Amino acid sequence: MDPVSHTVINLIIFVLAIYVGYHVVWTVTPALHTPLMAVTNAISAIVIVGAMLAAALTESGLGKTMGVLAVALAAVNVFGGFLVTRRMLEMFRKKDKKAPAAGKGNAA
């Protein structure tokens, strides 16, 4: 037997990854959010491919269910990432000045 279970080690790594990821993303300046979201979308796309492969290669019903759930959650993450990226890019667009309406202010 191992002195420490592999499950405990994996759980510790998972919790540390959440902690580090939260602090890294929280301290990002607003100008870097769009590139960060682009990288996050790429990582989520890789997660989708990995989840599809994992679901296809498992033989148990639980494994296939977890694979489908992983694909669905990663797809939601990609879709949400694209929405956030589009919204951030709209913030940096120059706003068009509205032309004065015809007939207003001109009494001719």
PDB file of N, CA and C in Angstrom:
ATOM      1  N   MET A   1       0.829  -1.187   0.000  1.00  0.00           N
ATOM      2  CA  MET A   1       0.000   0.000   0.000  1.00  0.00           C
ATOM      3  C   MET A   1       0.871   1.248   0.000  1.00  0.00           C
ATOM      4  N   ASP A   2       0.356   2.262  -0.650  1.00  0.00           N
ATOM      5  CA  ASP A   2       1.037   3.548  -0.657  1.00  0.00           C
ATOM      6  C   ASP A   2       0.800   4.263   0.664  1.00  0.00           C
ATOM      7  N   PRO A   3       1.785   5.025   1.137  1.00  0.00           N
ATOM      8  CA  PRO A   3       1.571   5.777   2.377  1.00  0.00           C
ATOM      9  C   PRO A   3       0.446   6.813   2.235  1.00  0.00           C
ATOM     10  N   VAL A   4       0.296   7.395   1.042  1.00  0.00           N
ATOM     11  CA  VAL A   4      -0.765   8.367   0.796  1.00  0.00           C
ATOM     12  C   VAL A   4      -1.514   7.914  -0.455  1.00  0.00           C
ATOM     13  N   SER A   5      -2.813   7.941  -0.373  1.00  0.00           N
ATOM     14  CA  SER A   5      -3.653   7.502  -1.483  1.00  0.00           C
ATOM     15  C   SER A   5      -3.507   8.441  -2.681  1.00  0.00           C
ATOM     16  N   HIS A   6      -3.590   7.863  -3.880  1.00  0.00           N
ATOM     17  CA  HIS A   6      -3.532   8.681  -5.098  1.00  0.00           C
ATOM     18  C   HIS A   6      -4.726   9.634  -5.172  1.00  0.00           C
ATOM     19  N   THR A   7      -5.840   9.231  -4.629  1.00  0.00           N
ATOM     20  CA  THR A   7      -7.020  10.091  -4.634  1.00  0.00           C
ATOM     21  C   THR A   7      -6.775  11.347  -3.803  1.00  0.00           C
ATOM     22  N   VAL A   8      -6.131  11.190  -2.666  1.00  0.00           N
ATOM     23  CA  VAL A   8      -5.836  12.341  -1.813  1.00  0.00           C
ATOM     24  C   VAL A   8      -4.864  13.284  -2.513  1.00  0.00           C
ATOM     25  N   ILE A   9      -3.855  12.735  -3.153  1.00  0.00           N
ATOM     26  CA  ILE A   9      -2.884  13.563  -3.882  1.00  0.00           C
ATOM     27  C   ILE A   9      -3.577  14.317  -5.010  1.00  0.00           C
ATOM     28  N   ASN A  10      -4.433  13.634  -5.771  1.00  0.00           N
ATOM     29  CA  ASN A  10      -5.164  14.292  -6.857  1.00  0.00           C
ATOM     30  C   ASN A  10      -6.104  15.368  -6.327  1.00  0.00           C
ATOM     31  N   LEU A  11      -6.722  15.126  -5.188  1.00  0.00           N
ATOM     32  CA  LEU A  11      -7.613  16.124  -4.590  1.00  0.00           C
ATOM     33  C   LEU A  11      -6.829  17.361  -4.144  1.00  0.00           C
ATOM     34  N   ILE A  12      -5.651  17.153  -3.569  1.00  0.00           N
ATOM     35  CA  ILE A  12      -4.810  18.279  -3.147  1.00  0.00           C
ATOM     36  C   ILE A  12      -4.380  19.106  -4.362  1.00  0.00           C
ATOM     37  N   ILE A  13      -3.979  18.440  -5.439  1.00  0.00           N
ATOM     38  CA  ILE A  13      -3.585  19.149  -6.660  1.00  0.00           C
ATOM     39  C   ILE A  13      -4.766  19.934  -7.222  1.00  0.00           C
ATOM     40  N   PHE A  14      -5.941  19.337  -7.205  1.00  0.00           N
ATOM     41  CA  PHE A  14      -7.136  20.002  -7.712  1.00  0.00           C
ATOM     42  C   PHE A  14      -7.447  21.267  -6.910  1.00  0.00           C
ATOM     43  N   VAL A  15      -7.407  21.172  -5.592  1.00  0.00           N
ATOM     44  CA  VAL A  15      -7.696  22.324  -4.737  1.00  0.00           C
ATOM     45  C   VAL A  15      -6.643  23.413  -4.932  1.00  0.00           C
ATOM     46  N   LEU A  16      -5.377  23.037  -5.024  1.00  0.00           N
ATOM     47  CA  LEU A  16      -4.324  24.026  -5.259  1.00  0.00           C
ATOM     48  C   LEU A  16      -4.486  24.700  -6.627  1.00  0.00           C
ATOM     49  N   ALA A  17      -4.883  23.936  -7.642  1.00  0.00           N
ATOM     50  CA  ALA A  17      -5.101  24.519  -8.966  1.00  0.00           C
ATOM     51  C   ALA A  17      -6.236  25.528  -8.942  1.00  0.00           C
ATOM     52  N   ILE A  18      -7.295  25.230  -8.213  1.00  0.00           N
ATOM     53  CA  ILE A  18      -8.406  26.183  -8.081  1.00  0.00           C
ATOM     54  C   ILE A  18      -7.923  27.453  -7.387  1.00  0.00           C
ATOM     55  N   TYR A  19      -7.178  27.293  -6.307  1.00  0.00           N
ATOM     56  CA  TYR A  19      -6.684  28.438  -5.543  1.00  0.00           C
ATOM     57  C   TYR A  19      -5.761  29.316  -6.385  1.00  0.00           C
ATOM     58  N   VAL A  20      -4.789  28.710  -7.046  1.00  0.00           N
ATOM     59  CA  VAL A  20      -3.841  29.471  -7.865  1.00  0.00           C
ATOM     60  C   VAL A  20      -4.562  30.108  -9.050  1.00  0.00           C
ATOM     61  N   GLY A  21      -5.434  29.355  -9.708  1.00  0.00           N
ATOM     62  CA  GLY A  21      -6.181  29.893 -10.846  1.00  0.00           C
ATOM     63  C   GLY A  21      -7.038  31.077 -10.470  1.00  0.00           C
ATOM     64  N   TYR A  22      -7.687  31.002  -9.331  1.00  0.00           N
ATOM     65  CA  TYR A  22      -8.526  32.117  -8.869  1.00  0.00           C
ATOM     66  C   TYR A  22      -7.683  33.370  -8.662  1.00  0.00           C
ATOM     67  N   HIS A  23      -6.561  33.232  -8.000  1.00  0.00           N
ATOM     68  CA  HIS A  23      -5.733  34.402  -7.721  1.00  0.00           C
ATOM     69  C   HIS A  23      -5.048  34.946  -8.973  1.00  0.00           C
ATOM     70  N   VAL A  24      -4.710  34.083  -9.898  1.00  0.00           N
ATOM     71  CA  VAL A  24      -4.097  34.556 -11.145  1.00  0.00           C
ATOM     72  C   VAL A  24      -5.112  35.335 -11.971  1.00  0.00           C
ATOM     73  N   VAL A  25      -6.313  34.802 -12.124  1.00  0.00           N
ATOM     74  CA  VAL A  25      -7.330  35.462 -12.940  1.00  0.00           C
ATOM     75  C   VAL A  25      -7.831  36.733 -12.258  1.00  0.00           C
ATOM     76  N   TRP A  26      -7.936  36.741 -10.945  1.00  0.00           N
ATOM     77  CA  TRP A  26      -8.449  37.902 -10.222  1.00  0.00           C
ATOM     78  C   TRP A  26      -7.534  39.108 -10.357  1.00  0.00           C
ATOM     79  N   THR A  27      -6.221  38.883 -10.507  1.00  0.00           N
ATOM     80  CA  THR A  27      -5.275  39.994 -10.565  1.00  0.00           C
ATOM     81  C   THR A  27      -4.970  40.454 -11.989  1.00  0.00           C
ATOM     82  N   VAL A  28      -5.639  39.906 -12.978  1.00  0.00           N
ATOM     83  CA  VAL A  28      -5.399  40.308 -14.365  1.00  0.00           C
ATOM     84  C   VAL A  28      -6.007  41.685 -14.609  1.00  0.00           C
ATOM     85  N   THR A  29      -5.254  42.550 -15.285  1.00  0.00           N
ATOM     86  CA  THR A  29      -5.768  43.877 -15.613  1.00  0.00           C
ATOM     87  C   THR A  29      -6.846  43.755 -16.690  1.00  0.00           C
ATOM     88  N   PRO A  30      -7.784  44.689 -16.750  1.00  0.00           N
ATOM     89  CA  PRO A  30      -8.863  44.587 -17.735  1.00  0.00           C
ATOM     90  C   PRO A  30      -8.383  44.503 -19.188  1.00  0.00           C
ATOM     91  N   ALA A  31      -7.259  45.100 -19.502  1.00  0.00           N
ATOM     92  CA  ALA A  31      -6.765  45.072 -20.881  1.00  0.00           C
ATOM     93  C   ALA A  31      -6.337  43.675 -21.306  1.00  0.00           C
ATOM     94  N   LEU A  32      -6.049  42.808 -20.351  1.00  0.00           N
ATOM     95  CA  LEU A  32      -5.599  41.464 -20.690  1.00  0.00           C
ATOM     96  C   LEU A  32      -6.697  40.412 -20.626  1.00  0.00           C
ATOM     97  N   HIS A  33      -7.918  40.817 -20.310  1.00  0.00           N
ATOM     98  CA  HIS A  33      -8.988  39.827 -20.202  1.00  0.00           C
ATOM     99  C   HIS A  33      -9.296  39.165 -21.537  1.00  0.00           C
ATOM    100  N   THR A  34      -9.282  39.916 -22.633  1.00  0.00           N
ATOM    101  CA  THR A  34      -9.606  39.328 -23.930  1.00  0.00           C
ATOM    102  C   THR A  34      -8.592  38.271 -24.339  1.00  0.00           C
ATOM    103  N   PRO A  35      -7.278  38.518 -24.277  1.00  0.00           N
ATOM    104  CA  PRO A  35      -6.337  37.434 -24.600  1.00  0.00           C
ATOM    105  C   PRO A  35      -6.444  36.255 -23.640  1.00  0.00           C
ATOM    106  N   LEU A  36      -6.725  36.540 -22.380  1.00  0.00           N
ATOM    107  CA  LEU A  36      -6.871  35.459 -21.414  1.00  0.00           C
ATOM    108  C   LEU A  36      -8.073  34.588 -21.766  1.00  0.00           C
ATOM    109  N   MET A  37      -9.174  35.208 -22.173  1.00  0.00           N
ATOM    110  CA  MET A  37     -10.356  34.437 -22.557  1.00  0.00           C
ATOM    111  C   MET A  37     -10.100  33.625 -23.813  1.00  0.00           C
ATOM    112  N   ALA A  38      -9.302  34.155 -24.739  1.00  0.00           N
ATOM    113  CA  ALA A  38      -8.978  33.408 -25.947  1.00  0.00           C
ATOM    114  C   ALA A  38      -8.190  32.143 -25.601  1.00  0.00           C
ATOM    115  N   VAL A  39      -7.254  32.263 -24.680  1.00  0.00           N
ATOM    116  CA  VAL A  39      -6.480  31.093 -24.256  1.00  0.00           C
ATOM    117  C   VAL A  39      -7.382  30.118 -23.503  1.00  0.00           C
ATOM    118  N   THR A  40      -8.274  30.631 -22.690  1.00  0.00           N
ATOM    119  CA  THR A  40      -9.199  29.772 -21.954  1.00  0.00           C
ATOM    120  C   THR A  40     -10.101  29.003 -22.911  1.00  0.00           C
ATOM    121  N   ASN A  41     -10.555  29.651 -23.978  1.00  0.00           N
ATOM    122  CA  ASN A  41     -11.374  28.961 -24.974  1.00  0.00           C
ATOM    123  C   ASN A  41     -10.583  27.854 -25.652  1.00  0.00           C
ATOM    124  N   ALA A  42      -9.314  28.091 -25.936  1.00  0.00           N
ATOM    125  CA  ALA A  42      -8.486  27.062 -26.562  1.00  0.00           C
ATOM    126  C   ALA A  42      -8.296  25.871 -25.624  1.00  0.00           C
ATOM    127  N   ILE A  43      -8.075  26.148 -24.347  1.00  0.00           N
ATOM    128  CA  ILE A  43      -7.915  25.062 -23.375  1.00  0.00           C
ATOM    129  C   ILE A  43      -9.219  24.275 -23.244  1.00  0.00           C
ATOM    130  N   SER A  44     -10.346  24.972 -23.228  1.00  0.00           N
ATOM    131  CA  SER A  44     -11.632  24.283 -23.128  1.00  0.00           C
ATOM    132  C   SER A  44     -11.901  23.433 -24.355  1.00  0.00           C
ATOM    133  N   ALA A  45     -11.452  23.879 -25.509  1.00  0.00           N
ATOM    134  CA  ALA A  45     -11.606  23.062 -26.715  1.00  0.00           C
ATOM    135  C   ALA A  45     -10.790  21.785 -26.603  1.00  0.00           C
ATOM    136  N   ILE A  46      -9.609  21.868 -26.020  1.00  0.00           N
ATOM    137  CA  ILE A  46      -8.796  20.671 -25.808  1.00  0.00           C
ATOM    138  C   ILE A  46      -9.476  19.751 -24.797  1.00  0.00           C
ATOM    139  N   VAL A  47     -10.105  20.338 -23.771  1.00  0.00           N
ATOM    140  CA  VAL A  47     -10.838  19.546 -22.785  1.00  0.00           C
ATOM    141  C   VAL A  47     -11.998  18.806 -23.452  1.00  0.00           C
ATOM    142  N   ILE A  48     -12.669  19.458 -24.396  1.00  0.00           N
ATOM    143  CA  ILE A  48     -13.774  18.805 -25.104  1.00  0.00           C
ATOM    144  C   ILE A  48     -13.267  17.584 -25.864  1.00  0.00           C
ATOM    145  N   VAL A  49     -12.161  17.732 -26.571  1.00  0.00           N
ATOM    146  CA  VAL A  49     -11.606  16.604 -27.327  1.00  0.00           C
ATOM    147  C   VAL A  49     -11.198  15.477 -26.376  1.00  0.00           C
ATOM    148  N   GLY A  50     -10.528  15.836 -25.272  1.00  0.00           N
ATOM    149  CA  GLY A  50     -10.122  14.824 -24.301  1.00  0.00           C
ATOM    150  C   GLY A  50     -11.315  14.122 -23.667  1.00  0.00           C
ATOM    151  N   ALA A  51     -12.366  14.871 -23.364  1.00  0.00           N
ATOM    152  CA  ALA A  51     -13.558  14.268 -22.768  1.00  0.00           C
ATOM    153  C   ALA A  51     -14.256  13.340 -23.757  1.00  0.00           C
ATOM    154  N   MET A  52     -14.270  13.715 -25.024  1.00  0.00           N
ATOM    155  CA  MET A  52     -14.862  12.833 -26.041  1.00  0.00           C
ATOM    156  C   MET A  52     -14.080  11.525 -26.144  1.00  0.00           C
ATOM    157  N   LEU A  53     -12.761  11.646 -26.147  1.00  0.00           N
ATOM    158  CA  LEU A  53     -11.936  10.428 -26.211  1.00  0.00           C
ATOM    159  C   LEU A  53     -12.124   9.575 -24.967  1.00  0.00           C
ATOM    160  N   ALA A  54     -12.152  10.204 -23.801  1.00  0.00           N
ATOM    161  CA  ALA A  54     -12.324   9.452 -22.560  1.00  0.00           C
ATOM    162  C   ALA A  54     -13.688   8.763 -22.519  1.00  0.00           C
ATOM    163  N   ALA A  55     -14.720   9.466 -22.964  1.00  0.00           N
ATOM    164  CA  ALA A  55     -16.060   8.872 -22.965  1.00  0.00           C
ATOM    165  C   ALA A  55     -16.157   7.732 -23.965  1.00  0.00           C
ATOM    166  N   ALA A  56     -15.480   7.866 -25.086  1.00  0.00           N
ATOM    167  CA  ALA A  56     -15.544   6.831 -26.109  1.00  0.00           C
ATOM    168  C   ALA A  56     -14.771   5.580 -25.700  1.00  0.00           C
ATOM    169  N   LEU A  57     -13.716   5.745 -24.928  1.00  0.00           N
ATOM    170  CA  LEU A  57     -12.870   4.608 -24.574  1.00  0.00           C
ATOM    171  C   LEU A  57     -13.313   3.880 -23.314  1.00  0.00           C
ATOM    172  N   THR A  58     -14.220   4.451 -22.547  1.00  0.00           N
ATOM    173  CA  THR A  58     -14.677   3.773 -21.335  1.00  0.00           C
ATOM    174  C   THR A  58     -15.760   2.768 -21.685  1.00  0.00           C
ATOM    175  N   GLU A  59     -15.895   1.782 -20.830  1.00  0.00           N
ATOM    176  CA  GLU A  59     -16.908   0.754 -21.060  1.00  0.00           C
ATOM    177  C   GLU A  59     -18.033   0.811 -20.033  1.00  0.00           C
ATOM    178  N   SER A  60     -17.802   1.536 -18.958  1.00  0.00           N
ATOM    179  CA  SER A  60     -18.842   1.596 -17.925  1.00  0.00           C
ATOM    180  C   SER A  60     -19.817   2.733 -18.213  1.00  0.00           C
ATOM    181  N   GLY A  61     -21.005   2.581 -17.693  1.00  0.00           N
ATOM    182  CA  GLY A  61     -22.022   3.617 -17.869  1.00  0.00           C
ATOM    183  C   GLY A  61     -21.656   4.894 -17.133  1.00  0.00           C
ATOM    184  N   LEU A  62     -21.039   4.765 -15.954  1.00  0.00           N
ATOM    185  CA  LEU A  62     -20.627   5.937 -15.195  1.00  0.00           C
ATOM    186  C   LEU A  62     -19.560   6.728 -15.950  1.00  0.00           C
ATOM    187  N   GLY A  63     -18.614   6.032 -16.565  1.00  0.00           N
ATOM    188  CA  GLY A  63     -17.562   6.704 -17.330  1.00  0.00           C
ATOM    189  C   GLY A  63     -18.123   7.468 -18.516  1.00  0.00           C
ATOM    190  N   LYS A  64     -19.055   6.845 -19.220  1.00  0.00           N
ATOM    191  CA  LYS A  64     -19.669   7.520 -20.371  1.00  0.00           C
ATOM    192  C   LYS A  64     -20.491   8.728 -19.915  1.00  0.00           C
ATOM    193  N   THR A  65     -21.199   8.587 -18.794  1.00  0.00           N
ATOM    194  CA  THR A  65     -21.988   9.696 -18.264  1.00  0.00           C
ATOM    195  C   THR A  65     -21.088  10.856 -17.865  1.00  0.00           C
ATOM    196  N   MET A  66     -19.998  10.554 -17.183  1.00  0.00           N
ATOM    197  CA  MET A  66     -19.068  11.601 -16.773  1.00  0.00           C
ATOM    198  C   MET A  66     -18.412  12.251 -17.996  1.00  0.00           C
ATOM    199  N   GLY A  67     -18.127  11.469 -19.031  1.00  0.00           N
ATOM    200  CA  GLY A  67     -17.555  12.027 -20.258  1.00  0.00           C
ATOM    201  C   GLY A  67     -18.516  12.970 -20.949  1.00  0.00           C
ATOM    202  N   VAL A  68     -19.775  12.585 -21.024  1.00  0.00           N
ATOM    203  CA  VAL A  68     -20.791  13.452 -21.641  1.00  0.00           C
ATOM    204  C   VAL A  68     -20.956  14.727 -20.817  1.00  0.00           C
ATOM    205  N   LEU A  69     -20.942  14.590 -19.496  1.00  0.00           N
ATOM    206  CA  LEU A  69     -21.042  15.756 -18.629  1.00  0.00           C
ATOM    207  C   LEU A  69     -19.836  16.683 -18.818  1.00  0.00           C
ATOM    208  N   ALA A  70     -18.645  16.109 -18.950  1.00  0.00           N
ATOM    209  CA  ALA A  70     -17.441  16.924 -19.174  1.00  0.00           C
ATOM    210  C   ALA A  70     -17.523  17.654 -20.509  1.00  0.00           C
ATOM    211  N   VAL A  71     -18.009  16.984 -21.537  1.00  0.00           N
ATOM    212  CA  VAL A  71     -18.160  17.636 -22.851  1.00  0.00           C
ATOM    213  C   VAL A  71     -19.165  18.781 -22.754  1.00  0.00           C
ATOM    214  N   ALA A  72     -20.281  18.549 -22.072  1.00  0.00           N
ATOM    215  CA  ALA A  72     -21.309  19.590 -21.960  1.00  0.00           C
ATOM    216  C   ALA A  72     -20.790  20.806 -21.180  1.00  0.00           C
ATOM    217  N   LEU A  73     -20.121  20.569 -20.070  1.00  0.00           N
ATOM    218  CA  LEU A  73     -19.617  21.694 -19.274  1.00  0.00           C
ATOM    219  C   LEU A  73     -18.521  22.461 -20.005  1.00  0.00           C
ATOM    220  N   ALA A  74     -17.644  21.761 -20.707  1.00  0.00           N
ATOM    221  CA  ALA A  74     -16.599  22.445 -21.465  1.00  0.00           C
ATOM    222  C   ALA A  74     -17.215  23.240 -22.617  1.00  0.00           C
ATOM    223  N   ALA A  75     -18.267  22.713 -23.243  1.00  0.00           N
ATOM    224  CA  ALA A  75     -18.931  23.441 -24.327  1.00  0.00           C
ATOM    225  C   ALA A  75     -19.584  24.720 -23.798  1.00  0.00           C
ATOM    226  N   VAL A  76     -20.194  24.637 -22.622  1.00  0.00           N
ATOM    227  CA  VAL A  76     -20.774  25.837 -22.004  1.00  0.00           C
ATOM    228  C   VAL A  76     -19.674  26.849 -21.710  1.00  0.00           C
ATOM    229  N   ASN A  77     -18.522  26.365 -21.252  1.00  0.00           N
ATOM    230  CA  ASN A  77     -17.397  27.248 -20.952  1.00  0.00           C
ATOM    231  C   ASN A  77     -16.895  27.945 -22.221  1.00  0.00           C
ATOM    232  N   VAL A  78     -16.793  27.210 -23.325  1.00  0.00           N
ATOM    233  CA  VAL A  78     -16.350  27.817 -24.583  1.00  0.00           C
ATOM    234  C   VAL A  78     -17.359  28.865 -25.049  1.00  0.00           C
ATOM    235  N   PHE A  79     -18.638  28.517 -25.012  1.00  0.00           N
ATOM    236  CA  PHE A  79     -19.674  29.451 -25.456  1.00  0.00           C
ATOM    237  C   PHE A  79     -19.670  30.718 -24.595  1.00  0.00           C
ATOM    238  N   GLY A  80     -19.589  30.548 -23.283  1.00  0.00           N
ATOM    239  CA  GLY A  80     -19.537  31.701 -22.385  1.00  0.00           C
ATOM    240  C   GLY A  80     -18.287  32.533 -22.602  1.00  0.00           C
ATOM    241  N   GLY A  81     -17.173  31.864 -22.892  1.00  0.00           N
ATOM    242  CA  GLY A  81     -15.927  32.582 -23.162  1.00  0.00           C
ATOM    243  C   GLY A  81     -16.036  33.447 -24.400  1.00  0.00           C
ATOM    244  N   PHE A  82     -16.686  32.928 -25.443  1.00  0.00           N
ATOM    245  CA  PHE A  82     -16.859  33.737 -26.643  1.00  0.00           C
ATOM    246  C   PHE A  82     -17.778  34.927 -26.386  1.00  0.00           C
ATOM    247  N   LEU A  83     -18.804  34.741 -25.562  1.00  0.00           N
ATOM    248  CA  LEU A  83     -19.683  35.865 -25.233  1.00  0.00           C
ATOM    249  C   LEU A  83     -18.933  36.938 -24.452  1.00  0.00           C
ATOM    250  N   VAL A  84     -18.127  36.517 -23.483  1.00  0.00           N
ATOM    251  CA  VAL A  84     -17.365  37.486 -22.691  1.00  0.00           C
ATOM    252  C   VAL A  84     -16.342  38.200 -23.570  1.00  0.00           C
ATOM    253  N   THR A  85     -15.679  37.456 -24.456  1.00  0.00           N
ATOM    254  CA  THR A  85     -14.690  38.064 -25.350  1.00  0.00           C
ATOM    255  C   THR A  85     -15.344  39.103 -26.248  1.00  0.00           C
ATOM    256  N   ARG A  86     -16.505  38.774 -26.809  1.00  0.00           N
ATOM    257  CA  ARG A  86     -17.206  39.735 -27.671  1.00  0.00           C
ATOM    258  C   ARG A  86     -17.605  40.985 -26.888  1.00  0.00           C
ATOM    259  N   ARG A  87     -18.069  40.780 -25.664  1.00  0.00           N
ATOM    260  CA  ARG A  87     -18.475  41.922 -24.846  1.00  0.00           C
ATOM    261  C   ARG A  87     -17.278  42.804 -24.497  1.00  0.00           C
ATOM    262  N   MET A  88     -16.139  42.182 -24.185  1.00  0.00           N
ATOM    263  CA  MET A  88     -14.939  42.956 -23.871  1.00  0.00           C
ATOM    264  C   MET A  88     -14.461  43.735 -25.095  1.00  0.00           C
ATOM    265  N   LEU A  89     -14.519  43.125 -26.271  1.00  0.00           N
ATOM    266  CA  LEU A  89     -14.084  43.817 -27.485  1.00  0.00           C
ATOM    267  C   LEU A  89     -15.003  44.984 -27.816  1.00  0.00           C
ATOM    268  N   GLU A  90     -16.297  44.845 -27.516  1.00  0.00           N
ATOM    269  CA  GLU A  90     -17.227  45.953 -27.754  1.00  0.00           C
ATOM    270  C   GLU A  90     -16.918  47.145 -26.855  1.00  0.00           C
ATOM    271  N   MET A  91     -16.343  46.898 -25.697  1.00  0.00           N
ATOM    272  CA  MET A  91     -15.991  47.995 -24.798  1.00  0.00           C
ATOM    273  C   MET A  91     -14.870  48.857 -25.377  1.00  0.00           C
ATOM    274  N   PHE A  92     -14.012  48.283 -26.211  1.00  0.00           N
ATOM    275  CA  PHE A  92     -12.879  49.011 -26.760  1.00  0.00           C
ATOM    276  C   PHE A  92     -13.179  49.652 -28.111  1.00  0.00           C
ATOM    277  N   ARG A  93     -14.369  49.433 -28.671  1.00  0.00           N
ATOM    278  CA  ARG A  93     -14.727  50.039 -29.949  1.00  0.00           C
ATOM    279  C   ARG A  93     -15.004  51.515 -29.759  1.00  0.00           C
ATOM    280  N   LYS A  94     -14.659  52.262 -30.793  1.00  0.00           N
ATOM    281  CA  LYS A  94     -14.979  53.689 -30.766  1.00  0.00           C
ATOM    282  C   LYS A  94     -16.473  53.850 -30.991  1.00  0.00           C
ATOM    283  N   LYS A  95     -17.031  54.717 -30.228  1.00  0.00           N
ATOM    284  CA  LYS A  95     -18.463  54.969 -30.362  1.00  0.00           C
ATOM    285  C   LYS A  95     -18.678  55.990 -31.476  1.00  0.00           C
ATOM    286  N   ASP A  96     -19.650  55.715 -32.359  1.00  0.00           N
ATOM    287  CA  ASP A  96     -19.977  56.633 -33.447  1.00  0.00           C
ATOM    288  C   ASP A  96     -20.766  57.815 -32.886  1.00  0.00           C
ATOM    289  N   LYS A  97     -20.402  58.998 -33.366  1.00  0.00           N
ATOM    290  CA  LYS A  97     -21.156  60.188 -32.966  1.00  0.00           C
ATOM    291  C   LYS A  97     -22.433  60.226 -33.782  1.00  0.00           C
ATOM    292  N   LYS A  98     -23.526  60.493 -33.102  1.00  0.00           N
ATOM    293  CA  LYS A  98     -24.806  60.543 -33.792  1.00  0.00           C
ATOM    294  C   LYS A  98     -24.900  61.848 -34.568  1.00  0.00           C
ATOM    295  N   ALA A  99     -25.328  61.728 -35.819  1.00  0.00           N
ATOM    296  CA  ALA A  99     -25.525  62.916 -36.651  1.00  0.00           C
ATOM    297  C   ALA A  99     -26.788  63.632 -36.181  1.00  0.00           C
ATOM    298  N   PRO A 100     -26.791  64.975 -36.219  1.00  0.00           N
ATOM    299  CA  PRO A 100     -28.012  65.671 -35.802  1.00  0.00           C
ATOM    300  C   PRO A 100     -29.166  65.298 -36.721  1.00  0.00           C
ATOM    301  N   ALA A 101     -30.310  65.128 -36.132  1.00  0.00           N
ATOM    302  CA  ALA A 101     -31.492  64.740 -36.889  1.00  0.00           C
ATOM    303  C   ALA A 101     -31.886  65.862 -37.847  1.00  0.00           C
ATOM    304  N   ALA A 102     -32.365  65.472 -39.008  1.00  0.00           N
ATOM    305  CA  ALA A 102     -32.771  66.461 -40.027  1.00  0.00           C
ATOM    306  C   ALA A 102     -33.992  67.217 -39.526  1.00  0.00           C
ATOM    307  N   GLY A 103     -33.965  68.515 -39.687  1.00  0.00           N
ATOM    308  CA  GLY A 103     -35.119  69.336 -39.328  1.00  0.00           C
ATOM    309  C   GLY A 103     -35.017  69.935 -37.941  1.00  0.00           C
ATOM    310  N   LYS A 104     -34.117  69.440 -37.122  1.00  0.00           N
ATOM    311  CA  LYS A 104     -33.980  69.999 -35.768  1.00  0.00           C
ATOM    312  C   LYS A 104     -32.966  71.111 -35.798  1.00  0.00           C
ATOM    313  N   GLY A 105     -33.312  72.215 -35.269  1.00  0.00           N
ATOM    314  CA  GLY A 105     -32.400  73.350 -35.159  1.00  0.00           C
ATOM    315  C   GLY A 105     -32.301  74.155 -36.449  1.00  0.00           C
ATOM    316  N   ASN A 106     -32.837  73.672 -37.505  1.00  0.00           N
ATOM    317  CA  ASN A 106     -32.779  74.400 -38.777  1.00  0.00           C
ATOM    318  C   ASN A 106     -34.203  74.862 -39.118  1.00  0.00           C
ATOM    319  N   ALA A 107     -34.465  76.093 -38.861  1.00  0.00           N
ATOM    320  CA  ALA A 107     -35.783  76.643 -39.207  1.00  0.00           C
ATOM    321  C   ALA A 107     -35.652  77.399 -40.517  1.00  0.00           C
ATOM    322  N   ALA A 108     -35.791  76.716 -41.593  1.00  0.00           N
ATOM    323  CA  ALA A 108     -35.647  77.378 -42.895  1.00  0.00           C
ATOM    324  C   ALA A 108     -36.922  77.456 -43.646  1.00  0.00           C
TER     325      ALA A 108
END
